[in-house]
Amino acid sequence: MKKRAKPSDTEAGLAARVTAALERLAPAPLPARLPARGSAFVWEPALGTLAPVAQVASIEMDLLKAIENQRETLFANTRRFADELPANNALLWGARGMGKSSLVKAVHAGVNRGRKNPLILIEVHREDIASLPQLLRLLRSDGRRFLLFCDDLSFDKDDNSYKSLKAALEGGIEGRPGNVLFYATSNRRHLMPRDLVDNERATAINPGEAVEEKVSLSDRFGLWLGFHNCSQDDYLAMVESYAGHFGLKIAPEELRAKALAWAMGRGGRSGRVAWQFIQDIAGELGQKI
């Protein structure tokens, strides 16, 4: 009987390299347990871990002007969830720069103030939405409460990762874990481009069914909060609120005149424009904020 030849050193080296490459491509194993401490993390699916955030970039809720109704609604919903009461997933949609993501972070900080068992905020990047089932398996067995947050969420025509989000929010035989809530911000009410929705309606035999699967994603959010472009009075109220909070040494009339000129130069008014103006004027005055 002819003996099988031993593999050469070249073949053995190639096999080792192929094995190493496959191991790198394989999904990272889930950690045995979550970090014991911390109230904010960023989900890193490639490593299967949560990266701690030492300091969340948040501001006081009272500084968020022209969105008082949205602020109170989201705070009440979040506090109920932290208190282990029923609460809804929330979609914050609408005009750019009107404080959608700032509100989520401010509400998280406000709910946790004085709380012995803090609500944990986990940021999920838009490109990592497809890994949500992996994250939910990790969180399901933990006794703490988790608020998942995805900023600037939207989907393009050929992007199918929205199906993972739909399943994570309500679908699947397991359903969403009771200790997990999901908040997202978007400039789009249905998270899809308007031209895509209109095009599918126009070309389909049954226009309603053609877009139902895609636009139904936003229906999985029980709480919708709309953010609209602010008026001049709202914009000035934001500026004056920031200036008062940080004690900027400038006359009210001069502050208003400079704020209006700044908005005119930017071609619009919003909470983001107001904050950028405050940073500029504080630097001009030589004051730290």
Protein backbone atom coordinates (compact mmCIF):
# COMPACT_ATOMS: atom_id res chain seq x y z
CA MET A 1 0.00 0.00 0.00
CA LYS A 2 1.39 3.34 -1.06
CA LYS A 3 2.04 5.73 1.82
CA ARG A 4 0.55 9.21 1.65
CA ALA A 5 3.19 11.89 1.18
CA LYS A 6 3.70 14.33 3.98
CA PRO A 7 2.70 17.93 3.24
CA SER A 8 5.61 20.16 2.33
CA ASP A 9 6.65 23.14 4.41
CA THR A 10 5.14 25.40 1.75
CA GLU A 11 1.78 23.65 1.91
CA ALA A 12 1.79 23.71 5.70
CA GLY A 13 2.55 27.42 5.73
CA LEU A 14 -0.25 28.15 3.26
CA ALA A 15 -2.72 26.14 5.34
CA ALA A 16 -1.72 28.05 8.47
CA ARG A 17 -2.24 31.38 6.72
CA VAL A 18 -5.67 30.31 5.42
CA THR A 19 -6.70 29.19 8.91
CA ALA A 20 -5.56 32.48 10.44
CA ALA A 21 -7.47 34.46 7.79
CA LEU A 22 -10.67 32.49 8.47
CA GLU A 23 -10.32 33.09 12.20
CA ARG A 24 -10.05 36.84 11.59
CA LEU A 25 -13.19 36.80 9.46
CA ALA A 26 -15.22 34.80 11.99
CA PRO A 27 -17.60 36.75 14.25
CA ALA A 28 -16.09 37.71 17.56
CA PRO A 29 -17.31 35.54 20.45
CA LEU A 30 -19.62 37.22 22.92
CA PRO A 31 -17.97 38.14 26.23
CA ALA A 32 -18.93 36.07 29.25
CA ARG A 33 -20.36 39.14 30.98
CA LEU A 34 -20.91 42.84 30.49
CA PRO A 35 -18.75 45.51 32.16
CA ALA A 36 -19.84 45.77 35.79
CA ARG A 37 -19.50 49.55 35.95
CA GLY A 38 -20.28 52.50 33.74
CA SER A 39 -23.41 54.22 32.47
CA ALA A 40 -22.44 54.81 28.82
CA PHE A 41 -20.84 52.61 26.18
CA VAL A 42 -20.27 52.34 22.43
CA TRP A 43 -21.10 48.99 20.80
CA GLU A 44 -18.16 47.50 18.88
CA PRO A 45 -19.53 44.44 17.05
CA ALA A 46 -16.23 43.48 15.43
CA LEU A 47 -14.85 42.83 18.91
CA GLY A 48 -18.15 41.75 20.45
CA THR A 49 -17.63 44.24 23.26
CA LEU A 50 -18.89 47.49 24.75
CA ALA A 51 -16.32 50.29 24.88
CA PRO A 52 -16.84 52.50 27.96
CA VAL A 53 -17.44 56.24 27.55
CA ALA A 54 -15.86 58.16 30.41
CA GLN A 55 -17.80 61.40 29.84
CA VAL A 56 -20.96 61.77 27.73
CA ALA A 57 -21.08 65.08 25.83
CA SER A 58 -24.43 66.27 27.20
CA ILE A 59 -25.93 69.60 28.27
CA GLU A 60 -28.57 70.52 30.81
CA MET A 61 -32.13 69.83 29.65
CA ASP A 62 -33.28 73.32 30.63
CA LEU A 63 -30.90 74.81 28.03
CA LEU A 64 -32.77 73.11 25.20
CA LYS A 65 -35.24 75.77 24.08
CA ALA A 66 -38.11 75.65 21.55
CA ILE A 67 -38.48 71.87 22.09
CA GLU A 68 -40.07 71.90 25.54
CA ASN A 69 -42.93 69.54 24.60
CA GLN A 70 -40.58 67.01 23.03
CA ARG A 71 -38.29 67.31 26.05
CA GLU A 72 -41.02 66.58 28.59
CA THR A 73 -42.46 63.71 26.56
CA LEU A 74 -39.14 61.96 26.05
CA PHE A 75 -38.08 62.50 29.66
CA ALA A 76 -41.32 60.97 30.98
CA ASN A 77 -41.01 57.97 28.63
CA THR A 78 -37.37 57.39 29.62
CA ARG A 79 -38.04 57.72 33.34
CA ARG A 80 -40.85 55.16 33.15
CA PHE A 81 -38.52 52.72 31.44
CA ALA A 82 -35.78 53.30 34.04
CA ASP A 83 -38.40 52.63 36.73
CA GLU A 84 -39.19 49.27 35.07
CA LEU A 85 -42.55 50.46 33.76
CA PRO A 86 -43.85 50.10 30.17
CA ALA A 87 -42.29 52.55 27.68
CA ASN A 88 -42.05 53.03 23.92
CA ASN A 89 -39.18 53.01 21.46
CA ALA A 90 -38.77 56.60 20.23
CA LEU A 91 -38.00 58.14 16.84
CA LEU A 92 -36.88 61.78 16.93
CA TRP A 93 -37.19 63.12 13.40
CA GLY A 94 -37.16 66.44 11.61
CA ALA A 95 -35.09 69.55 10.98
CA ARG A 96 -31.32 69.45 11.24
CA GLY A 97 -29.61 71.04 14.21
CA MET A 98 -32.71 71.29 16.40
CA GLY A 99 -31.34 69.25 19.29
CA LYS A 100 -32.53 65.70 18.58
CA SER A 101 -29.35 63.91 19.65
CA SER A 102 -28.63 66.51 22.36
CA LEU A 103 -32.06 65.80 23.83
CA VAL A 104 -31.45 62.05 24.06
CA LYS A 105 -28.16 62.56 25.90
CA ALA A 106 -29.61 65.28 28.16
CA VAL A 107 -32.60 63.11 29.06
CA HIS A 108 -30.32 60.18 29.88
CA ALA A 109 -28.28 62.39 32.22
CA GLY A 110 -31.43 63.86 33.78
CA VAL A 111 -33.03 60.48 34.45
CA ASN A 112 -29.85 59.16 36.05
CA ARG A 113 -29.41 62.11 38.40
CA GLY A 114 -29.60 60.71 41.92
CA ARG A 115 -30.48 57.21 40.69
CA LYS A 116 -28.80 54.34 42.51
CA ASN A 117 -29.05 51.93 39.57
CA PRO A 118 -28.33 54.06 36.49
CA LEU A 119 -29.92 53.61 33.10
CA ILE A 120 -27.14 52.54 30.71
CA LEU A 121 -26.79 54.35 27.38
CA ILE A 122 -25.31 52.36 24.48
CA GLU A 123 -24.52 54.10 21.21
CA VAL A 124 -24.97 51.93 18.13
CA HIS A 125 -23.43 53.31 14.96
CA ARG A 126 -25.56 53.39 11.83
CA GLU A 127 -23.27 50.95 10.00
CA ASP A 128 -23.59 48.43 12.86
CA ILE A 129 -27.39 48.10 12.78
CA ALA A 130 -27.13 44.61 11.26
CA SER A 131 -25.39 43.43 14.46
CA LEU A 132 -28.31 44.36 16.72
CA PRO A 133 -29.44 40.74 17.25
CA GLN A 134 -25.95 39.95 18.55
CA LEU A 135 -26.10 42.87 20.97
CA LEU A 136 -29.59 42.00 22.20
CA ARG A 137 -28.49 38.45 23.02
CA LEU A 138 -25.73 39.96 25.11
CA LEU A 139 -28.07 42.30 27.01
CA ARG A 140 -31.04 39.98 27.49
CA SER A 141 -29.64 38.12 30.48
CA ASP A 142 -28.35 41.22 32.28
CA GLY A 143 -30.45 42.65 35.10
CA ARG A 144 -29.79 46.30 34.26
CA ARG A 145 -31.81 48.64 31.99
CA PHE A 146 -30.32 49.63 28.62
CA LEU A 147 -31.14 52.49 26.27
CA LEU A 148 -29.80 51.86 22.77
CA PHE A 149 -29.21 55.03 20.76
CA CYS A 150 -28.56 55.40 17.03
CA ASP A 151 -27.93 58.92 15.77
CA ASP A 152 -28.76 60.08 12.23
CA LEU A 153 -30.42 56.82 11.23
CA SER A 154 -31.58 56.38 7.62
CA PHE A 155 -31.54 53.77 4.89
CA ASP A 156 -30.84 53.93 1.17
CA LYS A 157 -32.46 52.06 -1.70
CA ASP A 158 -30.31 48.91 -1.65
CA ASP A 159 -29.75 48.82 2.10
CA ASN A 160 -31.40 45.78 3.71
CA SER A 161 -30.05 46.28 7.22
CA TYR A 162 -33.38 47.89 8.13
CA LYS A 163 -34.76 44.34 8.38
CA SER A 164 -32.41 43.68 11.31
CA LEU A 165 -33.75 46.78 13.03
CA LYS A 166 -37.37 45.76 12.44
CA ALA A 167 -36.72 42.35 13.97
CA ALA A 168 -34.83 43.87 16.90
CA LEU A 169 -37.61 46.33 17.71
CA GLU A 170 -40.62 44.05 17.66
CA GLY A 171 -40.17 40.95 15.52
CA GLY A 172 -38.74 37.50 16.07
CA ILE A 173 -39.99 34.76 18.34
CA GLU A 174 -38.05 36.15 21.31
CA GLY A 175 -39.10 39.77 20.83
CA ARG A 176 -37.24 42.76 22.18
CA PRO A 177 -35.78 42.15 25.66
CA GLY A 178 -37.80 43.84 28.38
CA ASN A 179 -34.70 45.58 29.71
CA VAL A 180 -33.88 47.26 26.37
CA LEU A 181 -35.31 50.40 24.76
CA PHE A 182 -34.30 51.89 21.39
CA TYR A 183 -34.07 55.60 20.51
CA ALA A 184 -33.11 56.88 17.06
CA THR A 185 -32.77 60.31 15.45
CA SER A 186 -33.28 60.97 11.77
CA ASN A 187 -33.96 63.79 9.33
CA ARG A 188 -36.48 61.46 7.63
CA ARG A 189 -39.84 60.62 9.11
CA HIS A 190 -39.93 57.14 7.52
CA LEU A 191 -36.14 56.64 7.60
CA MET A 192 -36.20 56.23 3.78
CA PRO A 193 -35.47 58.81 1.05
CA ARG A 194 -38.64 60.59 -0.06
CA ASP A 195 -37.82 60.04 -3.76
CA LEU A 196 -37.53 56.28 -3.15
CA VAL A 197 -40.98 56.15 -1.51
CA ASP A 198 -42.56 58.25 -4.27
CA ASN A 199 -40.88 56.24 -7.04
CA GLU A 200 -42.07 52.89 -5.73
CA ARG A 201 -45.61 54.22 -5.35
CA ALA A 202 -45.57 55.51 -8.94
CA THR A 203 -44.25 52.35 -10.61
CA ALA A 204 -45.88 49.58 -8.60
CA ILE A 205 -49.03 47.65 -9.60
CA ASN A 206 -50.22 48.01 -6.02
CA PRO A 207 -48.65 51.26 -4.76
CA GLY A 208 -49.64 50.67 -1.15
CA GLU A 209 -48.00 47.26 -0.87
CA ALA A 210 -44.88 48.39 -2.76
CA VAL A 211 -43.66 50.63 0.04
CA GLU A 212 -45.38 49.04 3.02
CA GLU A 213 -42.38 46.90 4.03
CA LYS A 214 -39.97 49.84 4.00
CA VAL A 215 -42.07 52.58 5.58
CA SER A 216 -43.49 50.21 8.18
CA LEU A 217 -40.13 50.39 9.95
CA SER A 218 -41.05 53.75 11.49
CA ASP A 219 -44.28 52.18 12.78
CA ARG A 220 -42.16 50.04 15.12
CA PHE A 221 -41.42 53.19 17.10
CA GLY A 222 -44.34 53.80 19.44
CA LEU A 223 -43.26 57.37 20.13
CA TRP A 224 -42.71 59.88 17.31
CA LEU A 225 -41.32 63.31 18.17
CA GLY A 226 -41.15 65.89 15.38
CA PHE A 227 -38.59 68.73 15.33
CA HIS A 228 -39.27 71.75 13.14
CA ASN A 229 -37.30 74.78 11.99
CA CYS A 230 -37.21 77.45 14.68
CA SER A 231 -38.45 81.02 14.42
CA GLN A 232 -36.29 84.08 15.03
CA ASP A 233 -37.73 84.43 18.53
CA ASP A 234 -36.90 80.79 19.32
CA TYR A 235 -33.38 81.22 18.00
CA LEU A 236 -32.79 84.34 20.12
CA ALA A 237 -34.23 82.55 23.17
CA MET A 238 -31.65 79.79 22.66
CA VAL A 239 -28.82 82.31 22.37
CA GLU A 240 -29.93 84.22 25.47
CA SER A 241 -30.32 81.00 27.44
CA TYR A 242 -26.76 79.90 26.62
CA ALA A 243 -25.36 83.37 27.29
CA GLY A 244 -27.04 83.54 30.69
CA HIS A 245 -25.98 80.03 31.65
CA PHE A 246 -22.33 80.69 30.87
CA GLY A 247 -22.34 84.26 32.19
CA LEU A 248 -21.16 85.91 28.98
CA LYS A 249 -20.32 89.55 29.60
CA ILE A 250 -22.11 91.27 26.73
CA ALA A 251 -25.00 93.71 26.55
CA PRO A 252 -28.35 92.13 25.55
CA GLU A 253 -28.78 94.43 22.53
CA GLU A 254 -25.31 93.65 21.22
CA LEU A 255 -25.82 89.93 21.82
CA ARG A 256 -29.05 89.93 19.78
CA ALA A 257 -27.54 91.96 16.93
CA LYS A 258 -24.50 89.71 16.67
CA ALA A 259 -26.64 86.56 16.92
CA LEU A 260 -28.90 87.69 14.05
CA ALA A 261 -25.89 88.59 11.91
CA TRP A 262 -24.36 85.17 12.62
CA ALA A 263 -27.57 83.37 11.60
CA MET A 264 -27.79 85.44 8.41
CA GLY A 265 -24.24 84.45 7.54
CA ARG A 266 -25.07 80.78 8.10
CA GLY A 267 -28.23 81.03 6.00
CA GLY A 268 -30.54 79.66 8.68
CA ARG A 269 -31.51 79.40 12.34
CA SER A 270 -31.33 76.30 14.56
CA GLY A 271 -30.14 75.15 17.93
CA ARG A 272 -26.83 74.11 16.40
CA VAL A 273 -26.33 77.55 14.84
CA ALA A 274 -27.12 79.16 18.22
CA TRP A 275 -24.52 76.97 19.97
CA GLN A 276 -21.89 77.68 17.33
CA PHE A 277 -22.53 81.41 17.75
CA ILE A 278 -22.12 81.13 21.53
CA GLN A 279 -18.77 79.38 21.05
CA ASP A 280 -17.65 82.14 18.71
CA ILE A 281 -18.75 85.05 20.89
CA ALA A 282 -17.30 83.43 24.03
CA GLY A 283 -13.95 83.15 22.27
CA GLU A 284 -14.22 86.76 21.13
CA LEU A 285 -14.90 87.85 24.71
CA GLY A 286 -12.03 85.73 26.03
CA GLN A 287 -14.36 83.66 28.24
CA LYS A 288 -14.36 79.89 28.72
CA ILE A 289 -17.57 77.91 28.55
